[in-house]
């Protein structure tokens, strides 16, 4: 299977396992990744950690099998679903994170970056383009200048660049990503899910603002809020249930 899935204490680690291709994804692997993400959410995971085997995160799309725009259309659906899941997602990145790998990284909420990590959006080297959603995410997460540098000049950035520009939130490897995930599992799921909506919608997005308002109301009316207040008063750790 091109996607390995392990579950520990409500943390699901998804590992892209195509080391012979530096974890470049073909359509079958992309479908397996989407199915694994959906399965993790359905089974009650609190955090997904996405990583790769063999010293690389994901070197992009497998160009040996990339024949037409239908792959990019399916990829867009998978990326949007990953970005929109109501739980926290963490990318644990080492080695190559290029092209499609960058798209996966920007779809995640938080990035933990190893020293070996290298980042690129090499579309102009191949005569390709990525969709506007990807361009917008890269711009938002790297900043305007760095995004133009990546996309228009074919630049390759390293882990220090990612840290300096704010693209990386934590320096380290998979163990550090799992430690971060462990901390996140103790937080209130409704607060996390609602806050993700708020972080992703613009003030001009009426439908998105409506979803955020509904999530806001649900959090303030939740049993988790009562539990959080009780735990604070009693000086103990809260047990949030997501309701």
Protein backbone atom coordinates (compact mmCIF):
# COMPACT_ATOMS: atom_id res chain seq x y z
CA UNK A 1 0.00 0.00 0.00
CA UNK A 2 1.40 3.44 -0.90
CA UNK A 3 -0.07 4.98 2.28
CA UNK A 4 0.79 3.52 5.69
CA UNK A 5 -1.64 4.28 8.52
CA UNK A 6 -0.94 3.93 12.25
CA UNK A 7 -3.21 5.03 15.09
CA UNK A 8 -2.15 5.77 18.67
CA UNK A 9 -4.27 7.61 21.25
CA UNK A 10 -6.48 9.41 18.71
CA UNK A 11 -3.46 10.41 16.61
CA UNK A 12 -3.32 8.99 13.08
CA UNK A 13 0.04 9.04 11.31
CA UNK A 14 -0.25 8.74 7.53
CA UNK A 15 3.04 7.94 5.80
CA UNK A 16 3.48 8.18 2.04
CA UNK A 17 5.42 5.01 1.22
CA UNK A 18 6.83 5.23 -2.29
CA UNK A 19 10.52 5.67 -1.43
CA UNK A 20 11.66 4.51 -4.86
CA UNK A 21 9.97 7.65 -6.26
CA UNK A 22 10.88 9.89 -3.29
CA UNK A 23 7.19 9.57 -2.39
CA UNK A 24 5.94 11.21 -5.57
CA UNK A 25 2.23 10.44 -5.89
CA UNK A 26 0.41 8.81 -8.77
CA UNK A 27 -3.38 8.65 -8.98
CA UNK A 28 -3.64 5.38 -7.04
CA UNK A 29 -1.55 6.76 -4.18
CA UNK A 30 -3.56 9.98 -4.20
CA UNK A 31 -6.81 8.01 -3.91
CA UNK A 32 -5.36 5.94 -1.07
CA UNK A 33 -4.31 9.10 0.75
CA UNK A 34 -7.79 10.58 0.41
CA UNK A 35 -9.37 7.36 1.66
CA UNK A 36 -7.00 7.26 4.64
CA UNK A 37 -7.81 10.85 5.62
CA UNK A 38 -11.53 10.13 5.42
CA UNK A 39 -11.11 6.95 7.46
CA UNK A 40 -9.12 8.76 10.16
CA UNK A 41 -11.82 11.41 10.58
CA UNK A 42 -14.64 8.85 10.54
CA UNK A 43 -12.92 6.78 13.23
CA UNK A 44 -12.66 9.73 15.61
CA UNK A 45 -9.05 10.84 15.24
CA UNK A 46 -8.24 14.15 16.90
CA UNK A 47 -5.06 14.84 14.90
CA UNK A 48 -3.62 13.62 11.59
CA UNK A 49 0.15 13.69 11.08
CA UNK A 50 1.17 13.45 7.42
CA UNK A 51 4.72 12.38 6.60
CA UNK A 52 6.79 10.31 4.18
CA UNK A 53 9.12 7.33 4.41
CA UNK A 54 12.71 6.99 3.24
CA UNK A 55 13.88 10.47 4.19
CA UNK A 56 11.49 12.44 1.96
CA UNK A 57 8.07 14.02 2.46
CA UNK A 58 6.86 14.08 -1.15
CA UNK A 59 8.83 15.01 -4.27
CA UNK A 60 5.70 15.91 -6.24
CA UNK A 61 3.45 14.18 -8.72
CA UNK A 62 4.78 11.08 -10.43
CA UNK A 63 5.45 12.56 -13.87
CA UNK A 64 5.71 9.08 -15.39
CA UNK A 65 1.96 8.74 -14.90
CA UNK A 66 0.81 12.36 -15.11
CA UNK A 67 -0.85 12.51 -18.52
CA UNK A 68 -3.55 15.18 -18.47
CA UNK A 69 -5.43 17.74 -16.42
CA UNK A 70 -7.80 15.13 -14.95
CA UNK A 71 -5.15 14.29 -12.34
CA UNK A 72 -4.95 17.92 -11.24
CA UNK A 73 -8.73 18.12 -10.99
CA UNK A 74 -8.83 15.13 -8.67
CA UNK A 75 -5.84 16.49 -6.75
CA UNK A 76 -7.71 19.76 -6.15
CA UNK A 77 -10.60 17.82 -4.60
CA UNK A 78 -8.28 15.84 -2.33
CA UNK A 79 -6.37 18.94 -1.21
CA UNK A 80 -9.52 20.88 -0.38
CA UNK A 81 -10.88 17.99 1.62
CA UNK A 82 -7.61 17.62 3.55
CA UNK A 83 -7.53 21.35 4.28
CA UNK A 84 -11.14 21.34 5.42
CA UNK A 85 -11.24 18.36 7.79
CA UNK A 86 -12.55 19.41 11.23
CA UNK A 87 -9.44 18.18 13.07
CA UNK A 88 -5.87 19.43 13.32
CA UNK A 89 -3.45 18.31 10.61
CA UNK A 90 0.33 18.40 10.95
CA UNK A 91 2.86 17.91 8.15
CA UNK A 92 6.12 16.34 9.34
CA UNK A 93 8.53 17.29 6.56
CA UNK A 94 12.03 16.07 5.76
CA UNK A 95 13.89 15.88 2.47
CA UNK A 96 12.03 16.78 -0.71
CA UNK A 97 8.83 18.80 -0.36
CA UNK A 98 8.26 19.95 -3.90
CA UNK A 99 5.37 20.45 -6.28
CA UNK A 100 2.53 18.25 -5.06
CA UNK A 101 4.45 17.82 -1.81
CA UNK A 102 4.22 21.56 -1.26
CA UNK A 103 0.51 21.38 -2.01
CA UNK A 104 0.07 18.77 0.72
CA UNK A 105 2.16 20.85 3.12
CA UNK A 106 0.11 24.02 2.58
CA UNK A 107 -3.11 22.02 2.99
CA UNK A 108 -2.06 21.07 6.54
CA UNK A 109 -2.58 23.33 9.54
CA UNK A 110 0.92 23.15 11.02
CA UNK A 111 4.33 22.21 9.64
CA UNK A 112 7.15 20.53 11.56
CA UNK A 113 10.32 20.79 9.48
CA UNK A 114 13.55 18.80 9.68
CA UNK A 115 16.94 20.26 8.77
CA UNK A 116 17.05 18.21 5.56
CA UNK A 117 13.82 19.69 4.18
CA UNK A 118 13.85 21.43 0.81
CA UNK A 119 10.90 23.32 -0.68
CA UNK A 120 10.05 24.22 -4.27
CA UNK A 121 7.15 24.93 -6.63
CA UNK A 122 8.92 24.07 -9.91
CA UNK A 123 5.99 24.60 -12.28
CA UNK A 124 7.87 26.95 -14.60
CA UNK A 125 10.60 24.33 -15.04
CA UNK A 126 8.01 21.88 -16.36
CA UNK A 127 5.63 24.16 -18.26
CA UNK A 128 2.84 23.45 -15.77
CA UNK A 129 0.65 25.53 -13.49
CA UNK A 130 -0.97 24.79 -10.16
CA UNK A 131 -4.50 25.87 -9.33
CA UNK A 132 -5.23 29.26 -7.78
CA UNK A 133 -6.08 27.68 -4.42
CA UNK A 134 -2.47 26.45 -4.16
CA UNK A 135 -1.00 29.78 -5.26
CA UNK A 136 -3.11 31.58 -2.67
CA UNK A 137 -2.11 29.18 0.14
CA UNK A 138 1.59 29.49 -0.74
CA UNK A 139 1.28 33.28 -0.76
CA UNK A 140 -0.53 33.33 2.59
CA UNK A 141 1.87 30.92 4.31
CA UNK A 142 5.21 32.06 2.85
CA UNK A 143 4.39 35.72 2.24
CA UNK A 144 4.03 37.60 -1.02
CA UNK A 145 7.71 38.05 -1.83
CA UNK A 146 8.77 34.50 -1.03
CA UNK A 147 5.81 33.08 -2.96
CA UNK A 148 6.83 35.02 -6.06
CA UNK A 149 10.42 33.90 -5.57
CA UNK A 150 9.34 30.24 -5.39
CA UNK A 151 6.88 30.25 -8.26
CA UNK A 152 8.45 32.67 -10.74
CA UNK A 153 12.15 31.84 -10.39
CA UNK A 154 12.03 28.14 -9.52
CA UNK A 155 13.89 28.78 -6.27
CA UNK A 156 14.58 25.96 -3.82
CA UNK A 157 14.29 27.02 -0.17
CA UNK A 158 15.77 25.17 2.79
CA UNK A 159 14.59 24.57 6.35
CA UNK A 160 16.18 27.80 7.60
CA UNK A 161 14.24 29.74 4.96
CA UNK A 162 11.01 27.99 5.97
CA UNK A 163 11.61 28.89 9.62
CA UNK A 164 12.63 32.48 8.87
CA UNK A 165 9.57 33.06 6.68
CA UNK A 166 7.11 31.50 9.13
CA UNK A 167 6.21 28.52 6.95
CA UNK A 168 7.60 26.14 9.58
CA UNK A 169 6.09 26.33 13.06
CA UNK A 170 8.34 23.74 14.73
CA UNK A 171 11.85 22.52 13.94
CA UNK A 172 12.26 18.76 14.19
CA UNK A 173 11.20 15.37 12.90
CA UNK A 174 8.31 12.95 13.16
CA UNK A 175 8.73 12.47 16.91
CA UNK A 176 8.38 16.21 17.41
CA UNK A 177 5.28 16.25 15.21
CA UNK A 178 3.73 13.43 17.25
CA UNK A 179 4.56 15.27 20.48
CA UNK A 180 2.78 18.34 19.12
CA UNK A 181 -0.15 16.17 18.08
CA UNK A 182 -0.31 14.64 21.56
CA UNK A 183 -0.62 18.10 23.09
CA UNK A 184 -3.35 19.02 20.60
CA UNK A 185 -5.46 15.95 21.42
CA UNK A 186 -6.10 17.35 24.89
CA UNK A 187 -7.81 20.47 23.53
CA UNK A 188 -11.49 21.06 22.81
CA UNK A 189 -12.46 19.61 19.41
CA UNK A 190 -15.34 22.03 18.79
CA UNK A 191 -13.05 24.98 19.45
CA UNK A 192 -10.43 23.59 17.08
CA UNK A 193 -12.92 22.79 14.30
CA UNK A 194 -14.65 26.15 14.56
CA UNK A 195 -11.39 28.08 14.70
CA UNK A 196 -10.23 26.33 11.51
CA UNK A 197 -13.33 27.64 9.76
CA UNK A 198 -12.58 31.15 11.00
CA UNK A 199 -8.95 30.98 9.87
CA UNK A 200 -9.94 29.90 6.36
CA UNK A 201 -12.88 32.18 5.52
CA UNK A 202 -12.67 35.82 4.49
CA UNK A 203 -14.87 38.63 5.73
CA UNK A 204 -16.48 38.72 2.27
CA UNK A 205 -17.42 35.02 2.36
CA UNK A 206 -21.04 35.15 3.51
CA UNK A 207 -21.53 31.39 3.51
CA UNK A 208 -18.27 30.83 5.38
CA UNK A 209 -19.12 33.51 7.91
CA UNK A 210 -22.42 31.72 8.50
CA UNK A 211 -20.61 28.44 9.17
CA UNK A 212 -18.27 30.22 11.56
CA UNK A 213 -21.19 31.83 13.41
CA UNK A 214 -22.83 28.41 13.79
CA UNK A 215 -19.59 26.89 15.10
CA UNK A 216 -19.15 29.82 17.49
CA UNK A 217 -22.64 29.33 18.90
CA UNK A 218 -22.12 25.57 19.22
CA UNK A 219 -18.88 26.01 21.16
CA UNK A 220 -20.43 28.49 23.58
CA UNK A 221 -23.38 26.15 24.18
CA UNK A 222 -21.28 22.98 24.48
CA UNK A 223 -20.74 20.55 27.32
CA UNK A 224 -17.04 20.98 26.61
CA UNK A 225 -17.23 24.62 27.69
CA UNK A 226 -18.82 23.55 30.98
CA UNK A 227 -16.10 20.92 31.38
CA UNK A 228 -13.37 23.45 30.65
CA UNK A 229 -14.72 25.85 33.26
CA UNK A 230 -15.11 23.07 35.83
CA UNK A 231 -11.59 21.79 35.21
CA UNK A 232 -10.17 25.30 35.56
CA UNK A 233 -11.99 25.81 38.87
CA UNK A 234 -10.97 22.38 40.17
CA UNK A 235 -7.36 22.76 38.97
CA UNK A 236 -7.39 19.59 36.88
CA UNK A 237 -6.96 18.69 33.23
CA UNK A 238 -10.22 18.83 31.26
CA UNK A 239 -11.69 15.81 29.49
CA UNK A 240 -13.16 17.21 26.30
CA UNK A 241 -15.62 15.02 24.39
CA UNK A 242 -16.37 17.18 21.36
CA UNK A 243 -19.94 17.98 22.28
